[in-house]
Amino acid sequence: MSQPSLPNFTPAITRTWDDGINLLLSLIAMEELGMAHILNAKGEKIQFALGTIPGLTGATTNIADILAVNTSVQSTLDLLIKPEILLNLN
């Protein structure tokens, strides 16, 4: 079996300083949006465990279930906060 033959292709990609700034700001905004979605999901998880979502009746939870949800949410918050703390260190 022979090796594949690739054409000599060198694309000309040019980016300006403004393009770089816009891409960086877009990246930061998308990351923040992703974190907001994660936090919202965890908030809904807490509401479901406590039975405080209007119009939705969940299963009966005990204190062990609520503590497990609390631990899960706390570990998620720890993971989300670490990069923010590192960015703020000078």
PDB file of N, CA and C in Angstrom:
ATOM      1  N   MET A   1       0.849  -1.176   0.000  1.00  0.00           N
ATOM      2  CA  MET A   1       0.000   0.000   0.000  1.00  0.00           C
ATOM      3  C   MET A   1       0.893   1.237   0.000  1.00  0.00           C
ATOM      4  N   SER A   2       0.613   2.171  -0.864  1.00  0.00           N
ATOM      5  CA  SER A   2       1.443   3.364  -0.980  1.00  0.00           C
ATOM      6  C   SER A   2       0.970   4.464  -0.031  1.00  0.00           C
ATOM      7  N   GLN A   3       1.825   5.397   0.177  1.00  0.00           N
ATOM      8  CA  GLN A   3       1.505   6.546   1.023  1.00  0.00           C
ATOM      9  C   GLN A   3       0.589   7.502   0.265  1.00  0.00           C
ATOM     10  N   PRO A   4      -0.311   8.170   0.974  1.00  0.00           N
ATOM     11  CA  PRO A   4      -1.176   9.126   0.276  1.00  0.00           C
ATOM     12  C   PRO A   4      -0.375  10.309  -0.244  1.00  0.00           C
ATOM     13  N   SER A   5      -0.812  10.829  -1.340  1.00  0.00           N
ATOM     14  CA  SER A   5      -0.162  11.980  -1.949  1.00  0.00           C
ATOM     15  C   SER A   5      -1.015  13.222  -1.671  1.00  0.00           C
ATOM     16  N   LEU A   6      -0.452  14.159  -0.957  1.00  0.00           N
ATOM     17  CA  LEU A   6      -1.165  15.382  -0.616  1.00  0.00           C
ATOM     18  C   LEU A   6      -0.665  16.524  -1.493  1.00  0.00           C
ATOM     19  N   PRO A   7      -1.566  17.351  -1.959  1.00  0.00           N
ATOM     20  CA  PRO A   7      -1.124  18.488  -2.776  1.00  0.00           C
ATOM     21  C   PRO A   7      -0.390  19.517  -1.920  1.00  0.00           C
ATOM     22  N   ASN A   8       0.452  20.280  -2.561  1.00  0.00           N
ATOM     23  CA  ASN A   8       1.162  21.350  -1.879  1.00  0.00           C
ATOM     24  C   ASN A   8       0.188  22.506  -1.686  1.00  0.00           C
ATOM     25  N   PHE A   9      -0.323  22.626  -0.475  1.00  0.00           N
ATOM     26  CA  PHE A   9      -1.359  23.607  -0.195  1.00  0.00           C
ATOM     27  C   PHE A   9      -0.934  24.442   0.999  1.00  0.00           C
ATOM     28  N   THR A  10      -0.721  25.716   0.784  1.00  0.00           N
ATOM     29  CA  THR A  10      -0.349  26.614   1.870  1.00  0.00           C
ATOM     30  C   THR A  10      -1.348  27.763   1.895  1.00  0.00           C
ATOM     31  N   PRO A  11      -2.359  27.661   2.768  1.00  0.00           N
ATOM     32  CA  PRO A  11      -3.372  28.721   2.806  1.00  0.00           C
ATOM     33  C   PRO A  11      -2.802  30.002   3.399  1.00  0.00           C
ATOM     34  N   ALA A  12      -3.281  31.092   2.913  1.00  0.00           N
ATOM     35  CA  ALA A  12      -2.885  32.393   3.436  1.00  0.00           C
ATOM     36  C   ALA A  12      -3.941  32.839   4.448  1.00  0.00           C
ATOM     37  N   ILE A  13      -3.615  32.704   5.718  1.00  0.00           N
ATOM     38  CA  ILE A  13      -4.538  33.108   6.777  1.00  0.00           C
ATOM     39  C   ILE A  13      -3.975  34.372   7.413  1.00  0.00           C
ATOM     40  N   THR A  14      -4.748  35.411   7.361  1.00  0.00           N
ATOM     41  CA  THR A  14      -4.295  36.660   7.967  1.00  0.00           C
ATOM     42  C   THR A  14      -5.336  37.120   8.984  1.00  0.00           C
ATOM     43  N   ARG A  15      -4.877  37.513  10.127  1.00  0.00           N
ATOM     44  CA  ARG A  15      -5.732  38.041  11.187  1.00  0.00           C
ATOM     45  C   ARG A  15      -5.133  39.363  11.642  1.00  0.00           C
ATOM     46  N   THR A  16      -6.012  40.286  11.903  1.00  0.00           N
ATOM     47  CA  THR A  16      -5.554  41.574  12.405  1.00  0.00           C
ATOM     48  C   THR A  16      -5.621  41.569  13.927  1.00  0.00           C
ATOM     49  N   TRP A  17      -5.063  42.602  14.504  1.00  0.00           N
ATOM     50  CA  TRP A  17      -5.092  42.754  15.958  1.00  0.00           C
ATOM     51  C   TRP A  17      -6.539  42.820  16.449  1.00  0.00           C
ATOM     52  N   ASP A  18      -7.374  43.548  15.743  1.00  0.00           N
ATOM     53  CA  ASP A  18      -8.790  43.665  16.120  1.00  0.00           C
ATOM     54  C   ASP A  18      -9.500  42.318  16.040  1.00  0.00           C
ATOM     55  N   ASP A  19      -9.161  41.509  15.018  1.00  0.00           N
ATOM     56  CA  ASP A  19      -9.747  40.170  14.917  1.00  0.00           C
ATOM     57  C   ASP A  19      -9.370  39.335  16.140  1.00  0.00           C
ATOM     58  N   GLY A  20      -8.129  39.431  16.560  1.00  0.00           N
ATOM     59  CA  GLY A  20      -7.672  38.679  17.734  1.00  0.00           C
ATOM     60  C   GLY A  20      -8.396  39.102  18.998  1.00  0.00           C
ATOM     61  N   ILE A  21      -8.568  40.396  19.171  1.00  0.00           N
ATOM     62  CA  ILE A  21      -9.288  40.904  20.348  1.00  0.00           C
ATOM     63  C   ILE A  21     -10.731  40.431  20.328  1.00  0.00           C
ATOM     64  N   ASN A  22     -11.382  40.507  19.159  1.00  0.00           N
ATOM     65  CA  ASN A  22     -12.768  40.066  19.052  1.00  0.00           C
ATOM     66  C   ASN A  22     -12.914  38.574  19.320  1.00  0.00           C
ATOM     67  N   LEU A  23     -11.989  37.769  18.821  1.00  0.00           N
ATOM     68  CA  LEU A  23     -12.036  36.334  19.068  1.00  0.00           C
ATOM     69  C   LEU A  23     -11.819  36.023  20.545  1.00  0.00           C
ATOM     70  N   LEU A  24     -10.907  36.736  21.172  1.00  0.00           N
ATOM     71  CA  LEU A  24     -10.646  36.528  22.600  1.00  0.00           C
ATOM     72  C   LEU A  24     -11.857  36.902  23.446  1.00  0.00           C
ATOM     73  N   LEU A  25     -12.473  38.027  23.134  1.00  0.00           N
ATOM     74  CA  LEU A  25     -13.675  38.432  23.866  1.00  0.00           C
ATOM     75  C   LEU A  25     -14.829  37.455  23.644  1.00  0.00           C
ATOM     76  N   SER A  26     -14.950  36.941  22.440  1.00  0.00           N
ATOM     77  CA  SER A  26     -15.992  35.947  22.160  1.00  0.00           C
ATOM     78  C   SER A  26     -15.743  34.667  22.945  1.00  0.00           C
ATOM     79  N   LEU A  27     -14.494  34.261  23.027  1.00  0.00           N
ATOM     80  CA  LEU A  27     -14.146  33.071  23.793  1.00  0.00           C
ATOM     81  C   LEU A  27     -14.497  33.236  25.272  1.00  0.00           C
ATOM     82  N   ILE A  28     -14.167  34.384  25.823  1.00  0.00           N
ATOM     83  CA  ILE A  28     -14.467  34.656  27.232  1.00  0.00           C
ATOM     84  C   ILE A  28     -15.976  34.663  27.456  1.00  0.00           C
ATOM     85  N   ALA A  29     -16.705  35.283  26.544  1.00  0.00           N
ATOM     86  CA  ALA A  29     -18.161  35.341  26.674  1.00  0.00           C
ATOM     87  C   ALA A  29     -18.779  33.949  26.603  1.00  0.00           C
ATOM     88  N   MET A  30     -18.297  33.103  25.697  1.00  0.00           N
ATOM     89  CA  MET A  30     -18.836  31.744  25.590  1.00  0.00           C
ATOM     90  C   MET A  30     -18.516  30.919  26.834  1.00  0.00           C
ATOM     91  N   GLU A  31     -17.332  31.111  27.394  1.00  0.00           N
ATOM     92  CA  GLU A  31     -16.968  30.398  28.623  1.00  0.00           C
ATOM     93  C   GLU A  31     -17.861  30.835  29.783  1.00  0.00           C
ATOM     94  N   GLU A  32     -18.094  32.131  29.892  1.00  0.00           N
ATOM     95  CA  GLU A  32     -18.969  32.634  30.951  1.00  0.00           C
ATOM     96  C   GLU A  32     -20.398  32.129  30.773  1.00  0.00           C
ATOM     97  N   LEU A  33     -20.864  32.070  29.543  1.00  0.00           N
ATOM     98  CA  LEU A  33     -22.202  31.553  29.262  1.00  0.00           C
ATOM     99  C   LEU A  33     -22.301  30.077  29.643  1.00  0.00           C
ATOM    100  N   GLY A  34     -21.270  29.321  29.338  1.00  0.00           N
ATOM    101  CA  GLY A  34     -21.244  27.911  29.723  1.00  0.00           C
ATOM    102  C   GLY A  34     -21.292  27.735  31.231  1.00  0.00           C
ATOM    103  N   MET A  35     -20.530  28.559  31.949  1.00  0.00           N
ATOM    104  CA  MET A  35     -20.552  28.480  33.412  1.00  0.00           C
ATOM    105  C   MET A  35     -21.919  28.875  33.960  1.00  0.00           C
ATOM    106  N   ALA A  36     -22.557  29.851  33.335  1.00  0.00           N
ATOM    107  CA  ALA A  36     -23.888  30.257  33.777  1.00  0.00           C
ATOM    108  C   ALA A  36     -24.894  29.128  33.596  1.00  0.00           C
ATOM    109  N   HIS A  37     -24.773  28.393  32.492  1.00  0.00           N
ATOM    110  CA  HIS A  37     -25.670  27.261  32.270  1.00  0.00           C
ATOM    111  C   HIS A  37     -25.442  26.164  33.312  1.00  0.00           C
ATOM    112  N   ILE A  38     -24.187  25.912  33.644  1.00  0.00           N
ATOM    113  CA  ILE A  38     -23.882  24.901  34.662  1.00  0.00           C
ATOM    114  C   ILE A  38     -24.446  25.320  36.013  1.00  0.00           C
ATOM    115  N   LEU A  39     -24.250  26.580  36.385  1.00  0.00           N
ATOM    116  CA  LEU A  39     -24.774  27.066  37.662  1.00  0.00           C
ATOM    117  C   LEU A  39     -26.295  27.014  37.697  1.00  0.00           C
ATOM    118  N   ASN A  40     -26.946  27.344  36.584  1.00  0.00           N
ATOM    119  CA  ASN A  40     -28.397  27.276  36.524  1.00  0.00           C
ATOM    120  C   ASN A  40     -28.876  25.840  36.710  1.00  0.00           C
ATOM    121  N   ALA A  41     -28.201  24.890  36.070  1.00  0.00           N
ATOM    122  CA  ALA A  41     -28.586  23.482  36.209  1.00  0.00           C
ATOM    123  C   ALA A  41     -28.422  23.014  37.648  1.00  0.00           C
ATOM    124  N   LYS A  42     -27.361  23.446  38.296  1.00  0.00           N
ATOM    125  CA  LYS A  42     -27.152  23.055  39.694  1.00  0.00           C
ATOM    126  C   LYS A  42     -28.200  23.701  40.594  1.00  0.00           C
ATOM    127  N   GLY A  43     -28.586  24.934  40.281  1.00  0.00           N
ATOM    128  CA  GLY A  43     -29.649  25.585  41.051  1.00  0.00           C
ATOM    129  C   GLY A  43     -30.970  24.855  40.909  1.00  0.00           C
ATOM    130  N   GLU A  44     -31.275  24.405  39.694  1.00  0.00           N
ATOM    131  CA  GLU A  44     -32.504  23.640  39.487  1.00  0.00           C
ATOM    132  C   GLU A  44     -32.434  22.291  40.193  1.00  0.00           C
ATOM    133  N   LYS A  45     -31.253  21.720  40.271  1.00  0.00           N
ATOM    134  CA  LYS A  45     -31.074  20.455  40.984  1.00  0.00           C
ATOM    135  C   LYS A  45     -31.386  20.643  42.466  1.00  0.00           C
ATOM    136  N   ILE A  46     -30.929  21.753  43.029  1.00  0.00           N
ATOM    137  CA  ILE A  46     -31.216  22.048  44.441  1.00  0.00           C
ATOM    138  C   ILE A  46     -32.710  22.272  44.637  1.00  0.00           C
ATOM    139  N   GLN A  47     -33.324  23.040  43.733  1.00  0.00           N
ATOM    140  CA  GLN A  47     -34.756  23.285  43.838  1.00  0.00           C
ATOM    141  C   GLN A  47     -35.553  21.992  43.750  1.00  0.00           C
ATOM    142  N   PHE A  48     -35.153  21.096  42.867  1.00  0.00           N
ATOM    143  CA  PHE A  48     -35.858  19.827  42.733  1.00  0.00           C
ATOM    144  C   PHE A  48     -35.712  18.996  44.003  1.00  0.00           C
ATOM    145  N   ALA A  49     -34.498  18.970  44.557  1.00  0.00           N
ATOM    146  CA  ALA A  49     -34.264  18.184  45.770  1.00  0.00           C
ATOM    147  C   ALA A  49     -35.068  18.729  46.949  1.00  0.00           C
ATOM    148  N   LEU A  50     -35.218  20.049  46.986  1.00  0.00           N
ATOM    149  CA  LEU A  50     -35.973  20.657  48.086  1.00  0.00           C
ATOM    150  C   LEU A  50     -37.473  20.697  47.812  1.00  0.00           C
ATOM    151  N   GLY A  51     -37.865  20.424  46.574  1.00  0.00           N
ATOM    152  CA  GLY A  51     -39.282  20.435  46.217  1.00  0.00           C
ATOM    153  C   GLY A  51     -39.862  21.826  46.101  1.00  0.00           C
ATOM    154  N   THR A  52     -39.050  22.784  45.655  1.00  0.00           N
ATOM    155  CA  THR A  52     -39.521  24.169  45.579  1.00  0.00           C
ATOM    156  C   THR A  52     -39.780  24.643  44.153  1.00  0.00           C
ATOM    157  N   ILE A  53     -39.790  23.728  43.178  1.00  0.00           N
ATOM    158  CA  ILE A  53     -40.096  24.118  41.803  1.00  0.00           C
ATOM    159  C   ILE A  53     -41.614  24.144  41.662  1.00  0.00           C
ATOM    160  N   PRO A  54     -42.193  25.297  41.327  1.00  0.00           N
ATOM    161  CA  PRO A  54     -43.655  25.390  41.216  1.00  0.00           C
ATOM    162  C   PRO A  54     -44.213  24.444  40.144  1.00  0.00           C
ATOM    163  N   GLY A  55     -45.257  23.719  40.506  1.00  0.00           N
ATOM    164  CA  GLY A  55     -45.928  22.841  39.558  1.00  0.00           C
ATOM    165  C   GLY A  55     -45.253  21.509  39.340  1.00  0.00           C
ATOM    166  N   LEU A  56     -44.153  21.233  40.030  1.00  0.00           N
ATOM    167  CA  LEU A  56     -43.447  19.972  39.856  1.00  0.00           C
ATOM    168  C   LEU A  56     -43.310  19.293  41.207  1.00  0.00           C
ATOM    169  N   THR A  57     -43.809  18.099  41.285  1.00  0.00           N
ATOM    170  CA  THR A  57     -43.665  17.345  42.523  1.00  0.00           C
ATOM    171  C   THR A  57     -42.666  16.231  42.288  1.00  0.00           C
ATOM    172  N   GLY A  58     -41.581  16.280  42.999  1.00  0.00           N
ATOM    173  CA  GLY A  58     -40.544  15.268  42.867  1.00  0.00           C
ATOM    174  C   GLY A  58     -40.713  14.187  43.906  1.00  0.00           C
ATOM    175  N   ALA A  59     -39.796  13.263  43.881  1.00  0.00           N
ATOM    176  CA  ALA A  59     -39.818  12.198  44.872  1.00  0.00           C
ATOM    177  C   ALA A  59     -39.490  12.777  46.248  1.00  0.00           C
ATOM    178  N   THR A  60     -39.981  12.116  47.266  1.00  0.00           N
ATOM    179  CA  THR A  60     -39.694  12.559  48.626  1.00  0.00           C
ATOM    180  C   THR A  60     -38.205  12.376  48.906  1.00  0.00           C
ATOM    181  N   THR A  61     -37.577  13.424  49.377  1.00  0.00           N
ATOM    182  CA  THR A  61     -36.147  13.355  49.667  1.00  0.00           C
ATOM    183  C   THR A  61     -35.929  13.365  51.161  1.00  0.00           C
ATOM    184  N   ASN A  62     -34.870  12.729  51.560  1.00  0.00           N
ATOM    185  CA  ASN A  62     -34.487  12.749  52.965  1.00  0.00           C
ATOM    186  C   ASN A  62     -33.225  13.590  53.123  1.00  0.00           C
ATOM    187  N   ILE A  63     -32.774  13.695  54.337  1.00  0.00           N
ATOM    188  CA  ILE A  63     -31.615  14.562  54.609  1.00  0.00           C
ATOM    189  C   ILE A  63     -30.363  14.052  53.910  1.00  0.00           C
ATOM    190  N   ALA A  64     -30.227  12.743  53.759  1.00  0.00           N
ATOM    191  CA  ALA A  64     -29.055  12.188  53.083  1.00  0.00           C
ATOM    192  C   ALA A  64     -29.037  12.601  51.612  1.00  0.00           C
ATOM    193  N   ASP A  65     -30.192  12.603  50.968  1.00  0.00           N
ATOM    194  CA  ASP A  65     -30.279  13.029  49.567  1.00  0.00           C
ATOM    195  C   ASP A  65     -29.919  14.502  49.423  1.00  0.00           C
ATOM    196  N   ILE A  66     -30.426  15.306  50.323  1.00  0.00           N
ATOM    197  CA  ILE A  66     -30.142  16.749  50.272  1.00  0.00           C
ATOM    198  C   ILE A  66     -28.659  17.013  50.512  1.00  0.00           C
ATOM    199  N   LEU A  67     -28.053  16.288  51.434  1.00  0.00           N
ATOM    200  CA  LEU A  67     -26.618  16.449  51.682  1.00  0.00           C
ATOM    201  C   LEU A  67     -25.798  15.986  50.482  1.00  0.00           C
ATOM    202  N   ALA A  68     -26.248  14.933  49.791  1.00  0.00           N
ATOM    203  CA  ALA A  68     -25.542  14.472  48.588  1.00  0.00           C
ATOM    204  C   ALA A  68     -25.614  15.523  47.485  1.00  0.00           C
ATOM    205  N   VAL A  69     -26.779  16.143  47.331  1.00  0.00           N
ATOM    206  CA  VAL A  69     -26.919  17.222  46.345  1.00  0.00           C
ATOM    207  C   VAL A  69     -26.014  18.383  46.726  1.00  0.00           C
ATOM    208  N   ASN A  70     -25.974  18.716  47.991  1.00  0.00           N
ATOM    209  CA  ASN A  70     -25.120  19.804  48.471  1.00  0.00           C
ATOM    210  C   ASN A  70     -23.650  19.521  48.165  1.00  0.00           C
ATOM    211  N   THR A  71     -23.214  18.297  48.406  1.00  0.00           N
ATOM    212  CA  THR A  71     -21.826  17.929  48.127  1.00  0.00           C
ATOM    213  C   THR A  71     -21.524  18.026  46.641  1.00  0.00           C
ATOM    214  N   SER A  72     -22.460  17.568  45.810  1.00  0.00           N
ATOM    215  CA  SER A  72     -22.282  17.622  44.365  1.00  0.00           C
ATOM    216  C   SER A  72     -22.176  19.062  43.877  1.00  0.00           C
ATOM    217  N   VAL A  73     -23.049  19.919  44.365  1.00  0.00           N
ATOM    218  CA  VAL A  73     -23.037  21.323  43.963  1.00  0.00           C
ATOM    219  C   VAL A  73     -21.765  22.003  44.455  1.00  0.00           C
ATOM    220  N   GLN A  74     -21.347  21.693  45.668  1.00  0.00           N
ATOM    221  CA  GLN A  74     -20.126  22.297  46.215  1.00  0.00           C
ATOM    222  C   GLN A  74     -18.900  21.914  45.392  1.00  0.00           C
ATOM    223  N   SER A  75     -18.802  20.650  44.990  1.00  0.00           N
ATOM    224  CA  SER A  75     -17.645  20.240  44.192  1.00  0.00           C
ATOM    225  C   SER A  75     -17.661  20.905  42.815  1.00  0.00           C
ATOM    226  N   THR A  76     -18.834  21.072  42.242  1.00  0.00           N
ATOM    227  CA  THR A  76     -18.935  21.763  40.955  1.00  0.00           C
ATOM    228  C   THR A  76     -18.525  23.226  41.096  1.00  0.00           C
ATOM    229  N   LEU A  77     -18.985  23.880  42.149  1.00  0.00           N
ATOM    230  CA  LEU A  77     -18.602  25.278  42.367  1.00  0.00           C
ATOM    231  C   LEU A  77     -17.099  25.411  42.583  1.00  0.00           C
ATOM    232  N   ASP A  78     -16.511  24.458  43.302  1.00  0.00           N
ATOM    233  CA  ASP A  78     -15.060  24.487  43.498  1.00  0.00           C
ATOM    234  C   ASP A  78     -14.324  24.421  42.160  1.00  0.00           C
ATOM    235  N   LEU A  79     -14.798  23.551  41.267  1.00  0.00           N
ATOM    236  CA  LEU A  79     -14.161  23.427  39.958  1.00  0.00           C
ATOM    237  C   LEU A  79     -14.337  24.682  39.107  1.00  0.00           C
ATOM    238  N   LEU A  80     -15.498  25.328  39.223  1.00  0.00           N
ATOM    239  CA  LEU A  80     -15.739  26.535  38.437  1.00  0.00           C
ATOM    240  C   LEU A  80     -14.969  27.746  38.967  1.00  0.00           C
ATOM    241  N   ILE A  81     -14.741  27.774  40.259  1.00  0.00           N
ATOM    242  CA  ILE A  81     -14.098  28.930  40.871  1.00  0.00           C
ATOM    243  C   ILE A  81     -12.583  28.903  40.712  1.00  0.00           C
ATOM    244  N   LYS A  82     -11.975  27.723  40.652  1.00  0.00           N
ATOM    245  CA  LYS A  82     -10.517  27.623  40.580  1.00  0.00           C
ATOM    246  C   LYS A  82      -9.895  28.440  39.448  1.00  0.00           C
ATOM    247  N   PRO A  83     -10.379  28.311  38.199  1.00  0.00           N
ATOM    248  CA  PRO A  83      -9.764  29.132  37.140  1.00  0.00           C
ATOM    249  C   PRO A  83      -9.936  30.635  37.368  1.00  0.00           C
ATOM    250  N   GLU A  84     -11.065  31.023  37.939  1.00  0.00           N
ATOM    251  CA  GLU A  84     -11.295  32.448  38.208  1.00  0.00           C
ATOM    252  C   GLU A  84     -10.323  32.962  39.250  1.00  0.00           C
ATOM    253  N   ILE A  85     -10.051  32.171  40.263  1.00  0.00           N
ATOM    254  CA  ILE A  85      -9.094  32.576  41.301  1.00  0.00           C
ATOM    255  C   ILE A  85      -7.697  32.692  40.696  1.00  0.00           C
ATOM    256  N   LEU A  86      -7.321  31.718  39.861  1.00  0.00           N
ATOM    257  CA  LEU A  86      -6.002  31.760  39.236  1.00  0.00           C
ATOM    258  C   LEU A  86      -5.839  32.984  38.330  1.00  0.00           C
ATOM    259  N   LEU A  87      -6.910  33.375  37.657  1.00  0.00           N
ATOM    260  CA  LEU A  87      -6.831  34.555  36.789  1.00  0.00           C
ATOM    261  C   LEU A  87      -6.673  35.840  37.584  1.00  0.00           C
ATOM    262  N   ASN A  88      -7.174  35.846  38.818  1.00  0.00           N
ATOM    263  CA  ASN A  88      -7.099  37.054  39.636  1.00  0.00           C
ATOM    264  C   ASN A  88      -5.810  37.174  40.418  1.00  0.00           C
ATOM    265  N   LEU A  89      -4.988  36.139  40.439  1.00  0.00           N
ATOM    266  CA  LEU A  89      -3.710  36.222  41.150  1.00  0.00           C
ATOM    267  C   LEU A  89      -2.741  37.106  40.372  1.00  0.00           C
ATOM    268  N   ASN A  90      -2.057  37.965  41.093  1.00  0.00           N
ATOM    269  CA  ASN A  90      -1.066  38.844  40.457  1.00  0.00           C
ATOM    270  C   ASN A  90       0.271  38.651  41.077  1.00  0.00           C
TER     271      ASN A  90
END
